[in-house]
């Protein structure tokens, strides 16, 4: 091969190599890979923790302990995960945080109860959007025994069923909760000796039964939340009588 031909061949090889390698970016200039989506297990763990805080908040409101409701409510307002949630749930999440903040700063039972009911409903809305049904055991029906303690436990049982009806969400649990609200009136011999307290308890029982009747015909989630919030407020008001705190969870 002549020197001229050899030079031409080397030039062609170099040109082809340059053309083939021209489409490759230097390592430093290559686009970074997209961040992987949050694993399902991580999302589930975050949601379980969130739901646990919602439950603690709800129980504190029921027993009339607004101070104890503030800590979990504040956590919910400040620590909501966003990765891995169903598309379009950003607004629901923002509304949940706003209502949790209302609970955290509430100074009366009505505001705390209404905002708590809203937070619970947002949990259900997100579960529905994700087409996910959380596995929550149905609360056990209390033994039918005479006495004020059983009377109150039956009201708590109803509250738990309503809570699950909204948070799962489950129409079956909701209707079970409404049926449980219609507990028998407290027998006269089991009523507190304090006349004022007795009057409040009897009035609360009557109101609960009236609420149950109205809520059975609730046409939408907004009405359900309104009735549930009113029920929680009634529980809190009754438990907060005389400066005492009764109800589920750890008392003050």
Protein backbone atom coordinates (compact mmCIF):
# COMPACT_ATOMS: atom_id res chain seq x y z
CA UNK A 1 0.00 0.00 0.00
CA UNK A 2 1.42 3.39 -0.94
CA UNK A 3 2.02 6.02 1.71
CA UNK A 4 -0.71 8.21 0.27
CA UNK A 5 -3.26 5.40 0.31
CA UNK A 6 -2.27 4.50 3.88
CA UNK A 7 -2.82 8.08 5.05
CA UNK A 8 -6.23 8.23 3.35
CA UNK A 9 -7.30 4.97 5.02
CA UNK A 10 -6.23 6.21 8.48
CA UNK A 11 -8.10 9.46 7.92
CA UNK A 12 -11.32 7.59 7.01
CA UNK A 13 -11.03 5.38 10.11
CA UNK A 14 -10.60 8.43 12.32
CA UNK A 15 -13.56 10.17 10.69
CA UNK A 16 -15.87 7.15 11.20
CA UNK A 17 -14.80 6.80 14.83
CA UNK A 18 -15.49 10.46 15.47
CA UNK A 19 -18.91 10.22 13.83
CA UNK A 20 -19.91 7.17 15.88
CA UNK A 21 -18.74 8.67 19.15
CA UNK A 22 -20.18 12.11 18.54
CA UNK A 23 -23.62 11.19 19.86
CA UNK A 24 -22.24 10.17 23.29
CA UNK A 25 -22.16 12.82 26.00
CA UNK A 26 -19.26 12.91 28.42
CA UNK A 27 -20.25 11.23 31.70
CA UNK A 28 -20.42 14.56 33.50
CA UNK A 29 -22.92 15.94 30.95
CA UNK A 30 -25.34 12.97 30.88
CA UNK A 31 -28.83 13.63 32.22
CA UNK A 32 -29.40 12.33 35.74
CA UNK A 33 -31.84 9.39 35.99
CA UNK A 34 -35.31 10.22 37.31
CA UNK A 35 -35.86 9.73 41.02
CA UNK A 36 -37.57 6.39 41.64
CA UNK A 37 -41.13 6.52 42.92
CA UNK A 38 -41.63 5.89 46.60
CA UNK A 39 -42.08 2.15 47.20
CA UNK A 40 -45.58 0.98 48.03
CA UNK A 41 -44.41 -0.33 51.38
CA UNK A 42 -43.06 3.12 52.30
CA UNK A 43 -46.31 4.82 51.39
CA UNK A 44 -48.31 2.26 53.37
CA UNK A 45 -46.10 2.76 56.44
CA UNK A 46 -46.53 6.53 56.24
CA UNK A 47 -50.29 6.19 55.90
CA UNK A 48 -50.48 3.80 58.85
CA UNK A 49 -48.63 6.28 61.03
CA UNK A 50 -50.89 9.08 59.85
CA UNK A 51 -54.03 7.05 60.56
CA UNK A 52 -52.74 6.16 64.01
CA UNK A 53 -52.39 9.88 64.80
CA UNK A 54 -55.88 10.57 63.43
CA UNK A 55 -57.25 7.88 65.74
CA UNK A 56 -55.49 9.34 68.78
CA UNK A 57 -56.80 12.81 67.90
CA UNK A 58 -60.34 11.55 67.46
CA UNK A 59 -60.30 9.67 70.78
CA UNK A 60 -59.02 12.74 72.62
CA UNK A 61 -61.81 14.88 71.17
CA UNK A 62 -64.43 12.27 72.11
CA UNK A 63 -63.36 12.28 75.75
CA UNK A 64 -63.38 16.08 75.81
CA UNK A 65 -59.61 16.42 76.11
CA UNK A 66 -58.80 19.11 73.56
CA UNK A 67 -55.30 19.56 74.98
CA UNK A 68 -54.44 15.93 74.20
CA UNK A 69 -55.86 16.30 70.67
CA UNK A 70 -53.50 19.16 69.87
CA UNK A 71 -50.26 17.13 69.62
CA UNK A 72 -51.41 14.53 67.04
CA UNK A 73 -53.31 17.23 65.16
CA UNK A 74 -50.17 19.36 64.91
CA UNK A 75 -48.21 16.36 63.63
CA UNK A 76 -50.82 15.67 60.94
CA UNK A 77 -50.72 19.31 59.86
CA UNK A 78 -46.94 19.35 59.54
CA UNK A 79 -45.85 15.85 58.50
CA UNK A 80 -48.00 14.69 55.61
CA UNK A 81 -46.12 12.63 52.99
CA UNK A 82 -46.72 13.54 49.35
CA UNK A 83 -44.76 10.90 47.40
CA UNK A 84 -46.72 7.93 46.11
CA UNK A 85 -50.18 9.38 46.73
CA UNK A 86 -52.91 8.94 44.08
CA UNK A 87 -52.91 11.57 41.33
CA UNK A 88 -55.04 14.58 42.11
CA UNK A 89 -54.96 14.13 45.89
CA UNK A 90 -52.78 17.17 46.54
CA UNK A 91 -55.85 19.30 47.24
CA UNK A 92 -57.30 16.70 49.61
CA UNK A 93 -53.98 16.55 51.45
CA UNK A 94 -53.83 20.35 51.74
CA UNK A 95 -57.38 20.45 53.12
CA UNK A 96 -56.56 17.71 55.62
CA UNK A 97 -53.58 19.69 56.91
CA UNK A 98 -55.71 22.83 57.25
CA UNK A 99 -58.38 21.04 59.27
CA UNK A 100 -55.77 19.33 61.46
CA UNK A 101 -54.34 22.77 62.21
CA UNK A 102 -57.83 23.89 63.27
CA UNK A 103 -57.98 21.00 65.74
CA UNK A 104 -54.50 21.85 67.04
CA UNK A 105 -55.59 25.40 67.80
CA UNK A 106 -59.19 24.73 68.87
CA UNK A 107 -60.41 26.11 72.18
CA UNK A 108 -63.92 24.63 72.16
CA UNK A 109 -65.45 21.21 71.56
CA UNK A 110 -67.53 22.13 68.51
CA UNK A 111 -64.66 23.44 66.39
CA UNK A 112 -62.39 20.58 67.41
CA UNK A 113 -65.07 17.98 66.65
CA UNK A 114 -66.09 19.46 63.29
CA UNK A 115 -62.50 19.72 62.08
CA UNK A 116 -61.75 16.19 63.31
CA UNK A 117 -64.68 14.83 61.31
CA UNK A 118 -63.31 16.58 58.22
CA UNK A 119 -59.83 15.07 58.70
CA UNK A 120 -61.34 11.59 59.04
CA UNK A 121 -63.35 12.05 55.84
CA UNK A 122 -60.24 13.12 53.91
CA UNK A 123 -58.57 9.85 54.88
CA UNK A 124 -61.52 8.02 53.35
CA UNK A 125 -61.44 10.18 50.21
CA UNK A 126 -57.77 9.32 49.64
CA UNK A 127 -58.38 5.60 50.22
CA UNK A 128 -61.24 5.68 47.74
CA UNK A 129 -59.16 7.50 45.10
CA UNK A 130 -56.35 4.96 45.53
CA UNK A 131 -58.87 2.10 45.34
CA UNK A 132 -57.35 0.87 48.56
CA UNK A 133 -59.35 -0.64 51.43
CA UNK A 134 -57.44 -0.54 54.72
CA UNK A 135 -57.74 -3.67 56.81
CA UNK A 136 -59.35 -2.35 60.00
CA UNK A 137 -60.95 -4.92 62.32
CA UNK A 138 -64.57 -4.26 63.17
CA UNK A 139 -64.93 -3.14 66.81
CA UNK A 140 -66.31 -5.79 69.13
CA UNK A 141 -69.83 -5.23 70.38
CA UNK A 142 -69.79 -4.64 74.15
CA UNK A 143 -71.54 -7.09 76.45
CA UNK A 144 -75.11 -6.12 77.28
CA UNK A 145 -74.90 -5.39 80.98
CA UNK A 146 -76.74 -2.83 83.11
CA UNK A 147 -74.94 0.27 84.34
CA UNK A 148 -73.64 3.60 83.14
CA UNK A 149 -70.29 2.16 82.09
CA UNK A 150 -71.89 -0.19 79.55
CA UNK A 151 -74.14 2.64 78.38
CA UNK A 152 -71.07 4.77 77.61
CA UNK A 153 -69.13 1.90 76.04
CA UNK A 154 -72.04 1.34 73.67
CA UNK A 155 -71.82 4.96 72.57
CA UNK A 156 -68.07 4.48 72.04
CA UNK A 157 -68.78 1.37 69.97
CA UNK A 158 -71.11 3.43 67.78
CA UNK A 159 -68.47 6.15 67.42
CA UNK A 160 -65.85 3.59 66.37
CA UNK A 161 -68.14 2.13 63.70
CA UNK A 162 -68.97 5.58 62.32
CA UNK A 163 -65.27 6.44 62.30
CA UNK A 164 -64.47 3.32 60.30
CA UNK A 165 -67.39 4.01 57.98
CA UNK A 166 -65.81 7.32 57.03
CA UNK A 167 -62.12 6.43 57.09
CA UNK A 168 -62.22 3.11 55.15
CA UNK A 169 -64.76 4.26 53.71
CA UNK A 170 -67.50 1.68 54.26
CA UNK A 171 -71.24 2.24 53.97
CA UNK A 172 -71.81 -1.01 55.85
CA UNK A 173 -69.79 0.13 58.89
CA UNK A 174 -71.48 3.54 58.72
CA UNK A 175 -74.94 2.01 58.88
CA UNK A 176 -73.85 -0.34 61.68
CA UNK A 177 -72.68 2.71 63.62
CA UNK A 178 -76.02 4.44 63.16
CA UNK A 179 -77.84 1.34 64.39
CA UNK A 180 -75.51 1.20 67.42
CA UNK A 181 -76.32 4.83 68.26
CA UNK A 182 -79.89 3.83 69.11
CA UNK A 183 -78.95 2.43 72.52
CA UNK A 184 -81.59 1.97 75.21
CA UNK A 185 -82.05 4.93 77.59
CA UNK A 186 -80.09 4.77 80.83
CA UNK A 187 -82.13 3.11 83.57
CA UNK A 188 -83.10 5.42 86.40
CA UNK A 189 -81.22 3.37 89.00
CA UNK A 190 -78.00 3.68 86.95
CA UNK A 191 -78.18 7.45 86.52
CA UNK A 192 -75.62 9.68 88.31
CA UNK A 193 -76.75 11.23 91.58
CA UNK A 194 -75.79 14.68 90.33
CA UNK A 195 -79.06 16.11 88.93
CA UNK A 196 -77.30 18.38 86.43
CA UNK A 197 -75.17 15.53 85.14
CA UNK A 198 -78.18 13.22 84.87
CA UNK A 199 -80.06 15.81 82.84
CA UNK A 200 -77.13 16.30 80.46
CA UNK A 201 -76.68 12.57 79.92
CA UNK A 202 -80.37 12.00 79.22
CA UNK A 203 -80.47 14.92 76.80
CA UNK A 204 -77.36 13.64 75.07
CA UNK A 205 -78.89 10.18 74.69
CA UNK A 206 -82.03 11.65 73.15
CA UNK A 207 -79.99 13.81 70.78
CA UNK A 208 -77.89 10.83 69.70
CA UNK A 209 -80.97 8.86 68.75
CA UNK A 210 -82.34 11.81 66.78
CA UNK A 211 -79.02 12.20 64.97
CA UNK A 212 -79.00 8.51 64.06
CA UNK A 213 -82.42 8.82 62.47
CA UNK A 214 -81.42 11.85 60.41
CA UNK A 215 -78.03 10.44 59.39
CA UNK A 216 -79.58 7.28 57.92
CA UNK A 217 -80.89 9.39 55.08
CA UNK A 218 -77.65 11.37 54.58
CA UNK A 219 -77.37 11.71 50.77
CA UNK A 220 -73.67 12.52 50.55
CA UNK A 221 -70.37 12.59 52.38
CA UNK A 222 -70.84 16.23 53.38
CA UNK A 223 -73.96 15.41 55.39
CA UNK A 224 -72.29 12.37 56.96
CA UNK A 225 -69.36 14.50 58.09
CA UNK A 226 -71.76 17.08 59.54
CA UNK A 227 -73.62 14.46 61.57
CA UNK A 228 -70.42 12.77 62.71
CA UNK A 229 -68.94 16.09 63.79
CA UNK A 230 -72.08 16.86 65.77
CA UNK A 231 -71.92 13.45 67.42
CA UNK A 232 -68.28 13.95 68.44
CA UNK A 233 -69.07 17.41 69.81
CA UNK A 234 -71.90 15.96 71.89
CA UNK A 235 -69.64 13.25 73.31
CA UNK A 236 -66.96 15.81 74.15
CA UNK A 237 -69.42 18.18 75.80
CA UNK A 238 -70.91 15.42 77.95
CA UNK A 239 -67.50 14.06 78.97
CA UNK A 240 -66.22 17.53 79.75
CA UNK A 241 -68.94 18.26 82.29
CA UNK A 242 -67.77 19.40 85.72
CA UNK A 243 -64.19 19.69 84.45
CA UNK A 244 -63.77 15.92 84.17
CA UNK A 245 -62.43 14.00 81.20
CA UNK A 246 -63.95 10.61 80.41
CA UNK A 247 -63.98 8.39 77.40
CA UNK A 248 -61.54 6.35 75.28
CA UNK A 249 -57.78 6.42 75.56
CA UNK A 250 -55.72 7.62 78.50
CA UNK A 251 -57.52 10.19 80.69
CA UNK A 252 -55.81 13.30 81.98
